[in-house]
C-alpha atoms as a PDB file:
ATOM      1  CA  MET A   1     105.392  98.933  94.993  1.00  0.00           C
ATOM      2  CA  LEU A   2     104.361 100.254  98.544  1.00  0.00           C
ATOM      3  CA  LEU A   3     100.360 100.174  98.822  1.00  0.00           C
ATOM      4  CA  HIS A   4      98.841 102.568 101.571  1.00  0.00           C
ATOM      5  CA  SER A   5      97.982 100.055 104.686  1.00  0.00           C
ATOM      6  CA  SER A   6      93.655 100.873 103.973  1.00  0.00           C
ATOM      7  CA  LEU A   7      93.562  98.611 101.276  1.00  0.00           C
ATOM      8  CA  ARG A   8      94.348  94.791 102.547  1.00  0.00           C
ATOM      9  CA  PRO A   9      96.492  92.764  99.872  1.00  0.00           C
ATOM     10  CA  GLY A  10      94.039  90.225 100.058  1.00  0.00           C
ATOM     11  CA  VAL A  11      91.276  92.594  98.543  1.00  0.00           C
ATOM     12  CA  ARG A  12      93.957  93.713  96.133  1.00  0.00           C
ATOM     13  CA  ALA A  13      94.638  90.401  94.926  1.00  0.00           C
ATOM     14  CA  LEU A  14      90.979  89.463  94.644  1.00  0.00           C
ATOM     15  CA  ARG A  15      89.722  92.276  92.586  1.00  0.00           C
ATOM     16  CA  ALA A  16      92.565  91.480  90.250  1.00  0.00           C
ATOM     17  CA  ALA A  17      91.315  88.248  90.151  1.00  0.00           C
ATOM     18  CA  VAL A  18      87.553  88.629  89.753  1.00  0.00           C
ATOM     19  CA  MET A  19      88.816  91.343  87.109  1.00  0.00           C
ATOM     20  CA  ALA A  20      91.056  88.930  85.355  1.00  0.00           C
ATOM     21  CA  VAL A  21      88.205  86.156  85.296  1.00  0.00           C
ATOM     22  CA  ALA A  22      85.850  88.712  83.871  1.00  0.00           C
ATOM     23  CA  LEU A  23      88.326  89.793  81.117  1.00  0.00           C
ATOM     24  CA  ALA A  24      89.748  86.038  80.093  1.00  0.00           C
ATOM     25  CA  ALA A  25      86.236  85.337  78.801  1.00  0.00           C
ATOM     26  CA  VAL A  26      85.969  87.687  76.103  1.00  0.00           C
ATOM     27  CA  LEU A  27      89.527  88.237  75.277  1.00  0.00           C
ATOM     28  CA  PRO A  28      92.584  85.874  72.933  1.00  0.00           C
ATOM     29  CA  ALA A  29      95.795  85.285  73.798  1.00  0.00           C
ATOM     30  CA  VAL A  30      98.565  87.108  74.200  1.00  0.00           C
ATOM     31  CA  ALA A  31     101.988  85.587  72.418  1.00  0.00           C
ATOM     32  CA  ALA A  32     104.786  86.021  75.198  1.00  0.00           C
ATOM     33  CA  PRO A  33     108.585  87.015  73.985  1.00  0.00           C
ATOM     34  CA  SER A  34     110.936  84.406  73.425  1.00  0.00           C
ATOM     35  CA  ILE A  35     113.648  84.145  75.981  1.00  0.00           C
ATOM     36  CA  THR A  36     117.563  83.517  74.669  1.00  0.00           C
ATOM     37  CA  ASP A  37     118.387  81.684  78.119  1.00  0.00           C
ATOM     38  CA  CYS A  38     117.463  80.032  80.921  1.00  0.00           C
ATOM     39  CA  ALA A  39     118.160  82.459  83.390  1.00  0.00           C
ATOM     40  CA  ALA A  40     116.012  85.118  81.398  1.00  0.00           C
ATOM     41  CA  ALA A  41     113.817  82.802  80.957  1.00  0.00           C
ATOM     42  CA  ARG A  42     113.116  82.668  84.743  1.00  0.00           C
ATOM     43  CA  ALA A  43     113.613  86.041  85.407  1.00  0.00           C
ATOM     44  CA  ALA A  44     111.285  87.065  82.424  1.00  0.00           C
ATOM     45  CA  GLN A  45     108.656  85.332  84.922  1.00  0.00           C
ATOM     46  CA  SER A  46     109.420  87.366  87.777  1.00  0.00           C
ATOM     47  CA  VAL A  47     107.511  90.538  89.316  1.00  0.00           C
ATOM     48  CA  MET A  48     108.850  93.450  86.821  1.00  0.00           C
ATOM     49  CA  LEU A  49     108.164  97.212  88.018  1.00  0.00           C
ATOM     50  CA  GLY A  50     110.022  99.288  86.075  1.00  0.00           C
ATOM     51  CA  ALA A  51     111.274 100.150  82.142  1.00  0.00           C
ATOM     52  CA  ALA A  52     112.931 102.699  80.168  1.00  0.00           C
ATOM     53  CA  THR A  53     114.268 102.753  77.161  1.00  0.00           C
ATOM     54  CA  ALA A  54     118.396 103.447  76.296  1.00  0.00           C
ATOM     55  CA  GLY A  55     118.754 104.558  72.762  1.00  0.00           C
ATOM     56  CA  LYS A  56     117.151 101.437  70.616  1.00  0.00           C
ATOM     57  CA  ARG A  57     117.630  98.976  73.664  1.00  0.00           C
ATOM     58  CA  LEU A  58     114.925  98.368  76.278  1.00  0.00           C
ATOM     59  CA  VAL A  59     115.644  97.617  79.582  1.00  0.00           C
ATOM     60  CA  ALA A  60     113.629  96.431  82.730  1.00  0.00           C
ATOM     61  CA  VAL A  61     114.021  96.314  86.458  1.00  0.00           C
ATOM     62  CA  GLY A  62     112.170  94.294  88.890  1.00  0.00           C
ATOM     63  CA  GLU A  63     112.203  91.698  91.786  1.00  0.00           C
ATOM     64  CA  ARG A  64     115.677  90.116  93.491  1.00  0.00           C
ATOM     65  CA  GLY A  65     117.904  92.366  91.393  1.00  0.00           C
ATOM     66  CA  VAL A  66     116.601  91.198  87.755  1.00  0.00           C
ATOM     67  CA  VAL A  67     117.342  93.153  84.813  1.00  0.00           C
ATOM     68  CA  LEU A  68     116.273  92.305  81.341  1.00  0.00           C
ATOM     69  CA  LEU A  69     117.609  93.763  78.156  1.00  0.00           C
ATOM     70  CA  SER A  70     116.139  93.616  74.352  1.00  0.00           C
ATOM     71  CA  ASP A  71     117.621  95.267  71.253  1.00  0.00           C
ATOM     72  CA  ASP A  72     114.785  94.218  69.169  1.00  0.00           C
ATOM     73  CA  GLN A  73     111.932  95.981  70.474  1.00  0.00           C
ATOM     74  CA  GLY A  74     110.701  93.173  73.003  1.00  0.00           C
ATOM     75  CA  LYS A  75     110.803  90.505  70.886  1.00  0.00           C
ATOM     76  CA  THR A  76     113.943  88.480  72.586  1.00  0.00           C
ATOM     77  CA  TRP A  77     115.353  89.411  76.298  1.00  0.00           C
ATOM     78  CA  ASN A  78     118.637  88.978  77.941  1.00  0.00           C
ATOM     79  CA  GLN A  79     119.676  88.859  81.202  1.00  0.00           C
ATOM     80  CA  ALA A  80     121.823  91.872  82.639  1.00  0.00           C
ATOM     81  CA  ALA A  81     124.648  91.274  85.387  1.00  0.00           C
ATOM     82  CA  VAL A  82     124.110  93.064  88.786  1.00  0.00           C
ATOM     83  CA  PRO A  83     126.038  93.222  91.847  1.00  0.00           C
ATOM     84  CA  THR A  84     122.467  93.531  93.877  1.00  0.00           C
ATOM     85  CA  SER A  85     119.967  90.723  94.724  1.00  0.00           C
ATOM     86  CA  VAL A  86     117.217  93.411  96.387  1.00  0.00           C
ATOM     87  CA  THR A  87     113.869  93.903  94.314  1.00  0.00           C
ATOM     88  CA  LEU A  88     114.779  97.188  92.131  1.00  0.00           C
ATOM     89  CA  THR A  89     111.696  99.607  91.342  1.00  0.00           C
ATOM     90  CA  ALA A  90     113.122 101.962  88.503  1.00  0.00           C
ATOM     91  CA  VAL A  91     115.084 102.684  86.039  1.00  0.00           C
ATOM     92  CA  ARG A  92     115.883 105.994  83.867  1.00  0.00           C
ATOM     93  CA  PHE A  93     118.605 106.702  81.021  1.00  0.00           C
ATOM     94  CA  THR A  94     120.246 109.716  80.369  1.00  0.00           C
ATOM     95  CA  ASP A  95     121.252 108.553  77.078  1.00  0.00           C
ATOM     96  CA  ASP A  96     121.489 105.154  75.385  1.00  0.00           C
ATOM     97  CA  GLN A  97     124.524 104.684  77.545  1.00  0.00           C
ATOM     98  CA  HIS A  98     124.047 105.829  81.008  1.00  0.00           C
ATOM     99  CA  GLY A  99     121.215 104.767  83.359  1.00  0.00           C
ATOM    100  CA  VAL A 100     120.188 104.595  86.968  1.00  0.00           C
ATOM    101  CA  ALA A 101     118.369 102.214  88.856  1.00  0.00           C
ATOM    102  CA  VAL A 102     116.936 102.414  92.382  1.00  0.00           C
ATOM    103  CA  GLY A 103     115.249  99.845  94.624  1.00  0.00           C
ATOM    104  CA  HIS A 104     114.898  98.531  98.116  1.00  0.00           C
ATOM    105  CA  ALA A 105     117.350  98.517 100.718  1.00  0.00           C
ATOM    106  CA  GLY A 106     118.361 101.858  99.637  1.00  0.00           C
ATOM    107  CA  VAL A 107     120.204 100.696  96.464  1.00  0.00           C
ATOM    108  CA  ILE A 108     121.300 102.648  93.828  1.00  0.00           C
ATOM    109  CA  LEU A 109     123.228 101.589  91.098  1.00  0.00           C
ATOM    110  CA  VAL A 110     124.109 103.278  87.683  1.00  0.00           C
ATOM    111  CA  THR A 111     125.617 101.793  84.435  1.00  0.00           C
ATOM    112  CA  ALA A 112     127.750 103.105  81.779  1.00  0.00           C
ATOM    113  CA  ASP A 113     127.316 100.508  78.691  1.00  0.00           C
ATOM    114  CA  GLY A 114     123.407 100.793  78.252  1.00  0.00           C
ATOM    115  CA  GLY A 115     122.921  98.523  81.066  1.00  0.00           C
ATOM    116  CA  ALA A 116     124.818  95.455  80.068  1.00  0.00           C
ATOM    117  CA  THR A 117     126.635  95.980  83.332  1.00  0.00           C
ATOM    118  CA  TRP A 118     125.902  97.856  86.776  1.00  0.00           C
ATOM    119  CA  GLN A 119     127.971  99.524  89.464  1.00  0.00           C
ATOM    120  CA  ARG A 120     126.573  99.556  93.224  1.00  0.00           C
ATOM    121  CA  VAL A 121     126.877 103.686  94.364  1.00  0.00           C
ATOM    122  CA  LEU A 122     124.476 103.697  97.280  1.00  0.00           C
ATOM    123  CA  ASP A 123     122.219 101.837  99.930  1.00  0.00           C
ATOM    124  CA  GLY A 124     120.495 102.664 102.862  1.00  0.00           C
ATOM    125  CA  GLU A 125     123.156 102.181 105.162  1.00  0.00           C
ATOM    126  CA  ARG A 126     125.079 105.117 103.374  1.00  0.00           C
ATOM    127  CA  ILE A 127     121.846 107.108 102.704  1.00  0.00           C
ATOM    128  CA  ALA A 128     121.478 107.274 106.465  1.00  0.00           C
ATOM    129  CA  THR A 129     124.655 108.657 107.176  1.00  0.00           C
ATOM    130  CA  LEU A 130     124.163 111.387 104.242  1.00  0.00           C
ATOM    131  CA  ALA A 131     120.921 112.070 105.976  1.00  0.00           C
ATOM    132  CA  LEU A 132     122.638 112.268 109.117  1.00  0.00           C
ATOM    133  CA  ALA A 133     125.010 114.713 108.190  1.00  0.00           C
ATOM    134  CA  ALA A 134     122.924 117.240 106.172  1.00  0.00           C
ATOM    135  CA  ALA A 135     120.487 117.272 109.274  1.00  0.00           C
ATOM    136  CA  ARG A 136     123.711 118.397 111.966  1.00  0.00           C
ATOM    137  CA  SER A 137     125.024 120.713 109.368  1.00  0.00           C
ATOM    138  CA  ASN A 138     121.661 122.636 108.825  1.00  0.00           C
ATOM    139  CA  GLY A 139     121.497 122.023 113.274  1.00  0.00           C
ATOM    140  CA  ASN A 140     117.735 120.851 112.581  1.00  0.00           C
ATOM    141  CA  GLU A 141     116.902 119.004 116.027  1.00  0.00           C
ATOM    142  CA  ALA A 142     114.029 117.137 114.604  1.00  0.00           C
ATOM    143  CA  ALA A 143     115.774 116.167 111.407  1.00  0.00           C
ATOM    144  CA  ILE A 144     118.511 115.233 113.273  1.00  0.00           C
ATOM    145  CA  ARG A 145     116.286 112.572 115.229  1.00  0.00           C
ATOM    146  CA  ASP A 146     114.996 111.261 112.334  1.00  0.00           C
ATOM    147  CA  ALA A 147     118.238 110.957 110.749  1.00  0.00           C
ATOM    148  CA  GLU A 148     119.306 109.471 113.593  1.00  0.00           C
ATOM    149  CA  ARG A 149     116.764 106.623 113.714  1.00  0.00           C
ATOM    150  CA  LEU A 150     117.529 105.798 110.211  1.00  0.00           C
ATOM    151  CA  VAL A 151     120.615 105.092 110.623  1.00  0.00           C
ATOM    152  CA  ALA A 152     119.845 102.249 113.601  1.00  0.00           C
ATOM    153  CA  ASP A 153     117.326 100.741 111.629  1.00  0.00           C
ATOM    154  CA  GLY A 154     119.892 100.033 108.989  1.00  0.00           C
ATOM    155  CA  ALA A 155     119.732  99.613 105.362  1.00  0.00           C
ATOM    156  CA  ASP A 156     115.999  98.792 105.354  1.00  0.00           C
ATOM    157  CA  LYS A 157     114.088 101.332 103.422  1.00  0.00           C
ATOM    158  CA  PRO A 158     113.227 101.034  99.579  1.00  0.00           C
ATOM    159  CA  LEU A 159     114.214 103.850  97.059  1.00  0.00           C
ATOM    160  CA  LEU A 160     110.838 103.870  94.676  1.00  0.00           C
ATOM    161  CA  ASP A 161     111.279 106.096  91.939  1.00  0.00           C
ATOM    162  CA  VAL A 162     113.758 108.252  89.750  1.00  0.00           C
ATOM    163  CA  CYS A 163     113.452 111.034  87.642  1.00  0.00           C
ATOM    164  CA  LEU A 164     115.935 112.736  85.813  1.00  0.00           C
ATOM    165  CA  LEU A 165     116.405 117.009  85.997  1.00  0.00           C
ATOM    166  CA  GLY A 166     118.213 117.267  82.808  1.00  0.00           C
ATOM    167  CA  GLY A 167     122.092 118.096  82.709  1.00  0.00           C
ATOM    168  CA  GLY A 168     123.061 115.026  84.321  1.00  0.00           C
ATOM    169  CA  ARG A 169     121.038 115.449  87.514  1.00  0.00           C
ATOM    170  CA  MET A 170     118.902 112.949  89.185  1.00  0.00           C
ATOM    171  CA  LEU A 171     116.442 113.074  92.205  1.00  0.00           C
ATOM    172  CA  ALA A 172     115.337 109.679  93.754  1.00  0.00           C
ATOM    173  CA  VAL A 173     112.351 109.364  96.350  1.00  0.00           C
ATOM    174  CA  GLY A 174     111.322 106.465  98.677  1.00  0.00           C
ATOM    175  CA  ALA A 175     109.927 105.246 101.899  1.00  0.00           C
ATOM    176  CA  TYR A 176     110.224 107.468 105.154  1.00  0.00           C
ATOM    177  CA  GLY A 177     110.307 110.515 103.008  1.00  0.00           C
ATOM    178  CA  LEU A 178     113.518 109.432 101.860  1.00  0.00           C
ATOM    179  CA  ALA A 179     114.583 112.138  98.749  1.00  0.00           C
ATOM    180  CA  LEU A 180     118.451 111.747  97.350  1.00  0.00           C
ATOM    181  CA  ALA A 181     120.224 114.066  94.198  1.00  0.00           C
ATOM    182  CA  SER A 182     122.616 113.730  92.122  1.00  0.00           C
ATOM    183  CA  ALA A 183     124.472 115.994  89.603  1.00  0.00           C
ATOM    184  CA  ASP A 184     126.833 113.866  88.092  1.00  0.00           C
ATOM    185  CA  ARG A 185     124.899 110.946  86.656  1.00  0.00           C
ATOM    186  CA  GLY A 186     124.248 108.885  89.808  1.00  0.00           C
ATOM    187  CA  ARG A 187     127.889 109.087  90.998  1.00  0.00           C
ATOM    188  CA  THR A 188     127.327 111.164  93.847  1.00  0.00           C
ATOM    189  CA  TRP A 189     124.398 111.525  95.778  1.00  0.00           C
ATOM    190  CA  SER A 190     123.027 113.918  98.811  1.00  0.00           C
ATOM    191  CA  SER A 191     120.092 114.120 100.614  1.00  0.00           C
ATOM    192  CA  TRP A 192     117.418 116.519  99.595  1.00  0.00           C
ATOM    193  CA  MET A 193     115.147 115.101 102.759  1.00  0.00           C
ATOM    194  CA  ASP A 194     115.092 118.719 104.578  1.00  0.00           C
ATOM    195  CA  ARG A 195     113.856 120.523 101.273  1.00  0.00           C
ATOM    196  CA  LEU A 196     110.603 118.507 101.600  1.00  0.00           C
ATOM    197  CA  ASP A 197     107.695 119.797 103.540  1.00  0.00           C
ATOM    198  CA  ASN A 198     107.185 116.046 105.516  1.00  0.00           C
ATOM    199  CA  PRO A 199     107.986 116.216 108.550  1.00  0.00           C
ATOM    200  CA  LYS A 200     106.409 113.205 109.249  1.00  0.00           C
ATOM    201  CA  GLY A 201     107.999 110.807 107.202  1.00  0.00           C
ATOM    202  CA  MET A 202     105.581 109.690 104.645  1.00  0.00           C
ATOM    203  CA  HIS A 203     106.483 107.630 101.784  1.00  0.00           C
ATOM    204  CA  LEU A 204     107.329 109.337  98.544  1.00  0.00           C
ATOM    205  CA  ASN A 205     105.806 106.866  95.500  1.00  0.00           C
ATOM    206  CA  THR A 206     106.476 108.666  92.545  1.00  0.00           C
ATOM    207  CA  VAL A 207     108.488 111.606  90.991  1.00  0.00           C
ATOM    208  CA  ARG A 208     108.275 113.692  87.508  1.00  0.00           C
ATOM    209  CA  GLN A 209     109.775 116.473  85.768  1.00  0.00           C
ATOM    210  CA  ARG A 210     108.758 118.564  82.885  1.00  0.00           C
ATOM    211  CA  GLY A 211     111.890 121.563  82.852  1.00  0.00           C
ATOM    212  CA  ASP A 212     112.373 123.198  86.043  1.00  0.00           C
ATOM    213  CA  THR A 213     109.125 121.568  87.706  1.00  0.00           C
ATOM    214  CA  ILE A 214     109.201 118.527  89.698  1.00  0.00           C
ATOM    215  CA  LEU A 215     106.027 117.316  91.060  1.00  0.00           C
ATOM    216  CA  VAL A 216     106.657 114.303  93.905  1.00  0.00           C
ATOM    217  CA  GLY A 217     103.493 112.282  95.195  1.00  0.00           C
ATOM    218  CA  GLY A 218     103.069 110.164  98.220  1.00  0.00           C
ATOM    219  CA  GLU A 219     100.781 108.671 100.713  1.00  0.00           C
ATOM    220  CA  ARG A 220      98.099 109.883 102.575  1.00  0.00           C
ATOM    221  CA  GLY A 221      97.651 112.432  99.838  1.00  0.00           C
ATOM    222  CA  LEU A 222     101.167 114.366  99.825  1.00  0.00           C
ATOM    223  CA  ALA A 223     101.831 116.495  97.314  1.00  0.00           C
ATOM    224  CA  LEU A 224     104.913 118.587  96.765  1.00  0.00           C
ATOM    225  CA  PHE A 225     105.853 120.795  93.943  1.00  0.00           C
ATOM    226  CA  SER A 226     108.699 122.921  92.744  1.00  0.00           C
ATOM    227  CA  ARG A 227     108.966 125.009  89.982  1.00  0.00           C
ATOM    228  CA  ASP A 228     113.183 126.415  90.422  1.00  0.00           C
ATOM    229  CA  GLY A 229     114.757 123.000  89.677  1.00  0.00           C
ATOM    230  CA  GLY A 230     114.396 121.453  92.866  1.00  0.00           C
ATOM    231  CA  ALA A 231     115.442 124.202  94.868  1.00  0.00           C
ATOM    232  CA  THR A 232     112.494 124.860  97.111  1.00  0.00           C
ATOM    233  CA  PHE A 233     109.589 122.568  97.169  1.00  0.00           C
ATOM    234  CA  LYS A 234     105.929 123.494  98.473  1.00  0.00           C
ATOM    235  CA  ARG A 235     103.259 121.613  99.497  1.00  0.00           C
ATOM    236  CA  LEU A 236     100.300 121.290  97.507  1.00  0.00           C
ATOM    237  CA  PRO A 237      96.422 121.521  99.511  1.00  0.00           C
ATOM    238  CA  MET A 238      94.486 118.005  97.394  1.00  0.00           C
ATOM    239  CA  PRO A 239      90.973 116.847  97.755  1.00  0.00           C
ATOM    240  CA  TYR A 240      92.252 113.550  98.165  1.00  0.00           C
ATOM    241  CA  GLN A 241      93.577 112.061 101.234  1.00  0.00           C
ATOM    242  CA  GLY A 242      94.107 108.591  99.185  1.00  0.00           C
ATOM    243  CA  SER A 243      98.046 107.614  98.247  1.00  0.00           C
ATOM    244  CA  PHE A 244      99.301 108.309  95.000  1.00  0.00           C
ATOM    245  CA  PHE A 245     101.347 105.675  93.192  1.00  0.00           C
ATOM    246  CA  SER A 246     102.181 107.668  89.935  1.00  0.00           C
ATOM    247  CA  ALA A 247     102.452 111.381  88.846  1.00  0.00           C
ATOM    248  CA  GLU A 248     102.499 113.137  85.313  1.00  0.00           C
ATOM    249  CA  LEU A 249     103.644 116.528  83.999  1.00  0.00           C
ATOM    250  CA  PRO A 250     101.803 116.217  80.294  1.00  0.00           C
ATOM    251  CA  ALA A 251     101.793 120.093  79.446  1.00  0.00           C
ATOM    252  CA  ALA A 252     102.578 123.546  81.043  1.00  0.00           C
ATOM    253  CA  ASP A 253     100.844 124.280  84.184  1.00  0.00           C
ATOM    254  CA  THR A 254      99.135 120.909  84.091  1.00  0.00           C
ATOM    255  CA  LEU A 255      99.867 118.228  86.866  1.00  0.00           C
ATOM    256  CA  VAL A 256      98.268 114.427  86.870  1.00  0.00           C
ATOM    257  CA  LEU A 257      98.293 112.264  90.274  1.00  0.00           C
ATOM    258  CA  ALA A 258      96.913 109.286  90.555  1.00  0.00           C
ATOM    259  CA  GLY A 259      97.025 106.122  93.050  1.00  0.00           C
ATOM    260  CA  LEU A 260      94.076 103.948  95.150  1.00  0.00           C
ATOM    261  CA  ARG A 261      90.727 102.869  94.302  1.00  0.00           C
ATOM    262  CA  GLY A 262      91.055 104.685  90.970  1.00  0.00           C
ATOM    263  CA  ASN A 263      91.814 107.933  92.090  1.00  0.00           C
ATOM    264  CA  VAL A 264      93.264 110.449  88.830  1.00  0.00           C
ATOM    265  CA  TRP A 265      93.106 113.695  90.218  1.00  0.00           C
ATOM    266  CA  ARG A 266      94.266 116.642  87.288  1.00  0.00           C
ATOM    267  CA  SER A 267      95.248 120.342  87.646  1.00  0.00           C
ATOM    268  CA  THR A 268      95.870 122.794  85.126  1.00  0.00           C
ATOM    269  CA  ASP A 269      96.895 125.948  87.147  1.00  0.00           C
ATOM    270  CA  ASN A 270      99.855 124.139  88.646  1.00  0.00           C
ATOM    271  CA  GLY A 271      97.933 122.780  91.617  1.00  0.00           C
ATOM    272  CA  THR A 272      95.727 125.598  92.988  1.00  0.00           C
ATOM    273  CA  THR A 273      92.585 123.660  91.854  1.00  0.00           C
ATOM    274  CA  TRP A 274      92.448 120.145  91.002  1.00  0.00           C
ATOM    275  CA  ALA A 275      89.294 118.102  88.853  1.00  0.00           C
ATOM    276  CA  GLN A 276      89.056 114.124  89.628  1.00  0.00           C
ATOM    277  CA  LEU A 277      88.619 112.137  86.365  1.00  0.00           C
ATOM    278  CA  ALA A 278      85.640 109.464  86.603  1.00  0.00           C
ATOM    279  CA  ALA A 279      87.287 106.098  86.489  1.00  0.00           C
ATOM    280  CA  PRO A 280      85.690 103.010  85.265  1.00  0.00           C
ATOM    281  CA  LEU A 281      86.760 100.994  88.082  1.00  0.00           C
ATOM    282  CA  PRO A 282      87.490 101.445  92.009  1.00  0.00           C
ATOM    283  CA  VAL A 283      90.446  99.798  91.227  1.00  0.00           C
ATOM    284  CA  THR A 284      94.444 101.131  92.435  1.00  0.00           C
ATOM    285  CA  ILE A 285      96.718 102.759  89.688  1.00  0.00           C
ATOM    286  CA  THR A 286      99.739 101.223  89.850  1.00  0.00           C
ATOM    287  CA  ALA A 287     101.950 102.962  86.786  1.00  0.00           C
ATOM    288  CA  SER A 288     101.125 106.076  84.106  1.00  0.00           C
ATOM    289  CA  ALA A 289     103.072 107.395  80.998  1.00  0.00           C
ATOM    290  CA  THR A 290     102.561 110.293  78.832  1.00  0.00           C
ATOM    291  CA  ARG A 291     103.063 109.245  75.559  1.00  0.00           C
ATOM    292  CA  ALA A 292     104.325 111.507  72.737  1.00  0.00           C
ATOM    293  CA  ASP A 293     101.843 113.136  71.874  1.00  0.00           C
ATOM    294  CA  GLY A 294     100.198 114.004  74.642  1.00  0.00           C
ATOM    295  CA  SER A 295      97.859 111.935  75.998  1.00  0.00           C
ATOM    296  CA  LEU A 296      98.108 110.157  79.209  1.00  0.00           C
ATOM    297  CA  LEU A 297      98.377 106.253  79.573  1.00  0.00           C
ATOM    298  CA  PHE A 298      97.652 104.352  83.127  1.00  0.00           C
ATOM    299  CA  ALA A 299      97.748 100.724  84.168  1.00  0.00           C
ATOM    300  CA  ASN A 300      95.584  99.318  87.318  1.00  0.00           C
ATOM    301  CA  GLN A 301      95.859  96.238  89.647  1.00  0.00           C
ATOM    302  CA  ALA A 302      93.049  94.603  87.410  1.00  0.00           C
ATOM    303  CA  GLY A 303      95.499  94.684  84.676  1.00  0.00           C
ATOM    304  CA  MET A 304      93.654  97.368  82.446  1.00  0.00           C
ATOM    305  CA  LEU A 305      95.299  99.783  80.213  1.00  0.00           C
ATOM    306  CA  LEU A 306      93.308 102.971  80.129  1.00  0.00           C
ATOM    307  CA  THR A 307      93.823 106.377  78.870  1.00  0.00           C
ATOM    308  CA  ALA A 308      92.300 109.937  79.727  1.00  0.00           C
ATOM    309  CA  ARG A 309      89.627 111.265  77.203  1.00  0.00           C
ATOM    310  CA  ASP A 310      87.813 114.710  78.821  1.00  0.00           C
ATOM    311  CA  ASN A 311      87.034 114.222  81.691  1.00  0.00           C
ATOM    312  CA  ALA A 312      87.788 110.315  82.353  1.00  0.00           C
ATOM    313  CA  LEU A 313      89.461 107.326  82.257  1.00  0.00           C
ATOM    314  CA  VAL A 314      88.480 105.069  79.599  1.00  0.00           C
ATOM    315  CA  PRO A 315      90.123 101.514  78.746  1.00  0.00           C
ATOM    316  CA  LEU A 316      92.006 101.092  75.408  1.00  0.00           C
ATOM    317  CA  ALA A 317      90.491  99.096  72.779  1.00  0.00           C
ATOM    318  CA  ALA A 318      91.834  94.947  73.565  1.00  0.00           C
ATOM    319  CA  SER A 319      92.808  92.698  71.197  1.00  0.00           C
ATOM    320  CA  HIS A 320      95.026  90.518  73.838  1.00  0.00           C
ATOM    321  CA  ALA A 321      94.610  88.278  76.451  1.00  0.00           C
ATOM    322  CA  PRO A 322      93.887  89.536  80.064  1.00  0.00           C
ATOM    323  CA  LEU A 323      96.723  91.305  81.481  1.00  0.00           C
ATOM    324  CA  PRO A 324      97.580  90.198  85.414  1.00  0.00           C
ATOM    325  CA  PRO A 325      98.035  92.877  88.030  1.00  0.00           C
ATOM    326  CA  LEU A 326     100.030  95.725  86.184  1.00  0.00           C
ATOM    327  CA  ASN A 327     102.853  97.577  88.026  1.00  0.00           C
ATOM    328  CA  GLY A 328     104.719  99.657  85.194  1.00  0.00           C
ATOM    329  CA  VAL A 329     103.494 100.469  81.360  1.00  0.00           C
ATOM    330  CA  LEU A 330     106.155 101.891  78.612  1.00  0.00           C
ATOM    331  CA  ASP A 331     105.299 103.400  75.519  1.00  0.00           C
ATOM    332  CA  LEU A 332     107.708 102.175  72.859  1.00  0.00           C
ATOM    333  CA  ASN A 333     106.161 104.834  70.080  1.00  0.00           C
ATOM    334  CA  ASN A 334     106.005 102.516  67.672  1.00  0.00           C
ATOM    335  CA  GLY A 335     102.137 100.749  68.124  1.00  0.00           C
ATOM    336  CA  THR A 336     103.313  98.852  71.057  1.00  0.00           C
ATOM    337  CA  LEU A 337     103.466  99.023  74.583  1.00  0.00           C
ATOM    338  CA  LEU A 338     105.721  96.996  77.015  1.00  0.00           C
ATOM    339  CA  THR A 339     103.601  96.318  80.131  1.00  0.00           C
ATOM    340  CA  LEU A 340     105.237  94.947  83.322  1.00  0.00           C
ATOM    341  CA  GLY A 341     103.553  92.783  85.862  1.00  0.00           C
ATOM    342  CA  VAL A 342     103.530  90.272  88.118  1.00  0.00           C
ATOM    343  CA  GLN A 343     104.182  87.392  85.482  1.00  0.00           C
ATOM    344  CA  GLY A 344     106.727  89.378  83.647  1.00  0.00           C
ATOM    345  CA  VAL A 345     106.923  91.677  80.470  1.00  0.00           C
ATOM    346  CA  ALA A 346     104.388  91.747  77.710  1.00  0.00           C
ATOM    347  CA  MET A 347     104.063  93.690  74.714  1.00  0.00           C
ATOM    348  CA  VAL A 348     100.814  94.771  74.292  1.00  0.00           C
ATOM    349  CA  PRO A 349      99.331  96.771  70.802  1.00  0.00           C
ATOM    350  CA  ALA A 350      98.373 100.574  71.562  1.00  0.00           C
ATOM    351  CA  LEU A 351      95.242 100.688  70.004  1.00  0.00           C
ATOM    352  CA  ALA A 352      92.590 103.225  70.511  1.00  0.00           C
ATOM    353  CA  VAL A 353      90.684 104.108  72.669  1.00  0.00           C
ATOM    354  CA  ALA A 354      86.997 101.760  73.408  1.00  0.00           C
ATOM    355  CA  ALA A 355      84.374 102.525  72.075  1.00  0.00           C
ATOM    356  CA  ARG A 356      82.593 102.221  75.202  1.00  0.00           C
ATOM    357  CA  SER A 357      84.085 102.153  78.989  1.00  0.00           C
ATOM    358  CA  ALA A 358      84.180  98.957  81.098  1.00  0.00           C
ATOM    359  CA  PRO A 359      81.129  97.649  82.705  1.00  0.00           C
END
C-alpha cells in the first residue's frame, strides 16, 4: 500500500514496534495456520495485502504475486499458480468461481476456477494505451498530456484496490489517478480517469460500492463520490487533508473514510457533513471491513483490531498474541477474522468490544 510521504517509513515502523512490544507483555500466543507444502509455507510468511471469499474458499494475495487458497476456513493453505511475480494488492470474487486481483505494474488477473489458476488480462503499458485513446477521443489536451506521460513511464504504477459494481462490472483504482472499469467480469477494461475530478493525478487508494453508490478515497483528503453507478463522480469537501487508505459504505447515506494517524471520518448525509471518530492511538488505519451486522471493523499499523462504538474507535477484546502491522482484515462470519500483515495470514477470534479503550 502507498503511504503519504508526510509519514516517514522509519516513524511508522517504530510506532508499530513499540505497540507490538507493549501488547506482547499482556497477550498469549496465536496458533499459526498449518501449511500443506513448502512453497505455501514460504508464501504464508510473505507480506499479504488482500483477501476475499470465493464461496467456501478463502483467497489471499500479497507480495511477489503470492496467492494462497484455503478450503477449510484458514486451517491449511495451498499456493495457486499465478502468471506474475509483482505484488498483488487486492482481490474480489463475484461468485465462487469468478474473481479478479489487481497489483503493481498495473497488473490485473482474472480467474474462472475459484482462484486455482489465473490469467493476466491487463498491465501498466496497456493501461497507458487505453488512457491515451480515451483522452484523444475526448479531445482533452491536459488528459492527453497526462496519458502520454503514462505511456513514456511504462508499466511502473500500481493498482491499489478493486470493487464489484454488480452484473459483472468492476472498478479498479490506483496510483497517480489510475481508474479502469470492466463490464465483463474483468476480461476487457476501459479508462475512467476522465470521469474523476482529479486533475493532479493524486493516488486513489481505496474504492467501495453499495448499490449505485461508489466511494473512492485517496491522498491529500481526496474523496470522490458517485450515486449513479459511476456514470458521474463529484469531489466531496473533506475536513481532513491527509491520505485515506480505506473506505466503507455500511448503510444508506453513510460514508466512512479512514487513513493516516488514526483518522476516521463518518458522514450520514452522503458527504455533506462529516464527524471524526476518536481513535485510541494516532496510528494509521490501513484496512477496514463492514461486518454482516453492519458494524465496522478497522485494522492499523500497530497490529490493532478496532470497531466503531458511538463516536469512537475501541479495540476488540483480545485473546491472542500481538499481531504484526496489519494490511487487511476479512470477517468470515463464523466468529473468526482473517488478518493479513507483514508476517502472512493469521486467524483471530472475532471477540466482543473491550471493556475499556487502549491506554
